[in-house]
């Protein structure tokens, strides 16, 4: 299964300071801003990205990393076959992705997604 993109997700209790750091200090551009998640990209290398996730609902699991794949349902089937822990079932999200969350062996939550 081809991997299209891997992006770290950073939870932030202080989005303004985080924006100042990633945009002001590092010079990354905002590619997407949905209020609860902001994607920063490098102008010189757009595949270099960082997601900033607002930490205002601690009861909702936030993924530590996002991995974009060609076929999310194929990977979901493989996760079930390997009896991996699914922490968010497959869903078509209103912002145009299909995704699910799975825990890796270290307890990190991995967002597996495909664009619709």
Protein backbone atom coordinates (compact mmCIF):
# COMPACT_ATOMS: atom_id res chain seq x y z
CA UNK A 1 0.00 0.00 0.00
CA UNK A 2 1.60 3.28 -1.07
CA UNK A 3 2.03 5.89 1.65
CA UNK A 4 1.30 9.37 0.33
CA UNK A 5 2.24 11.52 3.32
CA UNK A 6 3.19 11.31 7.00
CA UNK A 7 2.50 14.31 9.23
CA UNK A 8 3.18 14.72 12.96
CA UNK A 9 0.26 16.04 15.01
CA UNK A 10 1.12 18.30 17.92
CA UNK A 11 -1.48 18.97 20.61
CA UNK A 12 -1.45 22.55 21.80
CA UNK A 13 -2.89 24.12 24.92
CA UNK A 14 -1.70 27.49 23.63
CA UNK A 15 -2.44 27.75 19.88
CA UNK A 16 -1.41 31.42 19.63
CA UNK A 17 2.11 30.67 20.93
CA UNK A 18 2.33 27.59 18.70
CA UNK A 19 1.30 29.58 15.61
CA UNK A 20 3.91 32.19 16.51
CA UNK A 21 6.53 29.44 16.71
CA UNK A 22 5.71 27.48 13.54
CA UNK A 23 4.76 30.46 11.38
CA UNK A 24 6.75 33.32 12.91
CA UNK A 25 9.91 31.51 13.99
CA UNK A 26 10.16 28.65 11.47
CA UNK A 27 8.48 30.49 8.58
CA UNK A 28 6.00 27.74 7.74
CA UNK A 29 2.86 28.69 5.82
CA UNK A 30 -0.69 27.87 6.89
CA UNK A 31 -2.13 25.43 4.34
CA UNK A 32 -5.34 24.64 6.23
CA UNK A 33 -7.00 26.25 9.24
CA UNK A 34 -10.15 24.61 10.58
CA UNK A 35 -9.85 26.29 14.00
CA UNK A 36 -9.34 22.98 15.86
CA UNK A 37 -6.53 21.90 13.51
CA UNK A 38 -4.00 23.95 11.55
CA UNK A 39 -1.67 22.45 8.94
CA UNK A 40 1.63 24.23 8.39
CA UNK A 41 3.72 23.55 5.28
CA UNK A 42 7.16 24.48 4.07
CA UNK A 43 7.11 26.78 1.06
CA UNK A 44 10.29 25.21 -0.32
CA UNK A 45 9.13 21.63 0.35
CA UNK A 46 5.30 21.41 0.58
CA UNK A 47 5.41 17.74 1.59
CA UNK A 48 7.10 18.84 4.84
CA UNK A 49 4.15 19.48 7.13
CA UNK A 50 3.13 19.77 10.78
CA UNK A 51 -0.41 19.67 12.18
CA UNK A 52 -1.28 21.69 15.27
CA UNK A 53 -4.33 20.33 17.13
CA UNK A 54 -6.17 22.41 19.71
CA UNK A 55 -6.32 20.55 23.01
CA UNK A 56 -9.67 21.86 24.25
CA UNK A 57 -11.47 18.50 24.52
CA UNK A 58 -9.16 16.15 26.44
CA UNK A 59 -11.81 13.40 26.44
CA UNK A 60 -11.55 13.14 22.63
CA UNK A 61 -8.53 11.12 21.46
CA UNK A 62 -6.16 13.10 19.27
CA UNK A 63 -3.82 11.27 16.90
CA UNK A 64 -0.09 11.68 17.41
CA UNK A 65 0.62 11.20 13.71
CA UNK A 66 -1.39 11.19 10.47
CA UNK A 67 -0.56 8.82 7.63
CA UNK A 68 -2.26 9.33 4.29
CA UNK A 69 -2.70 6.13 2.29
CA UNK A 70 -4.20 5.25 -1.06
CA UNK A 71 -7.03 3.06 0.32
CA UNK A 72 -8.01 3.55 3.97
CA UNK A 73 -10.51 0.67 3.91
CA UNK A 74 -7.82 -1.79 2.81
CA UNK A 75 -5.63 -0.71 5.73
CA UNK A 76 -8.59 -0.89 8.13
CA UNK A 77 -9.24 -4.50 7.05
CA UNK A 78 -5.57 -5.31 7.68
CA UNK A 79 -5.75 -3.66 11.15
CA UNK A 80 -8.77 -5.82 12.04
CA UNK A 81 -7.04 -8.96 10.75
CA UNK A 82 -4.04 -8.19 12.95
CA UNK A 83 -6.35 -7.44 15.90
CA UNK A 84 -4.95 -3.95 16.40
CA UNK A 85 -6.74 -1.60 18.79
CA UNK A 86 -9.08 0.69 16.85
CA UNK A 87 -9.81 3.84 18.89
CA UNK A 88 -11.91 5.67 16.25
CA UNK A 89 -13.86 3.69 13.65
CA UNK A 90 -13.78 4.47 9.92
CA UNK A 91 -15.68 7.64 9.13
CA UNK A 92 -16.16 9.99 6.20
CA UNK A 93 -15.41 13.43 7.66
CA UNK A 94 -17.08 16.64 6.44
CA UNK A 95 -13.70 18.10 5.41
CA UNK A 96 -13.22 15.45 2.72
CA UNK A 97 -11.28 12.57 4.25
CA UNK A 98 -12.11 9.02 5.25
CA UNK A 99 -10.15 7.96 8.31
CA UNK A 100 -9.79 5.78 11.38
CA UNK A 101 -7.50 5.83 14.42
CA UNK A 102 -5.44 2.84 15.55
CA UNK A 103 -2.97 2.48 18.44
CA UNK A 104 0.61 1.55 17.65
CA UNK A 105 2.62 -0.76 19.96
CA UNK A 106 3.81 2.30 21.94
CA UNK A 107 0.29 3.49 22.72
CA UNK A 108 0.49 6.32 20.18
CA UNK A 109 -2.67 7.05 18.20
CA UNK A 110 -2.20 6.90 14.43
CA UNK A 111 -4.71 8.59 12.11
CA UNK A 112 -4.92 6.55 8.89
CA UNK A 113 -6.64 8.57 6.16
CA UNK A 114 -7.44 8.92 2.48
CA UNK A 115 -8.90 11.93 0.74
CA UNK A 116 -12.35 11.33 -0.69
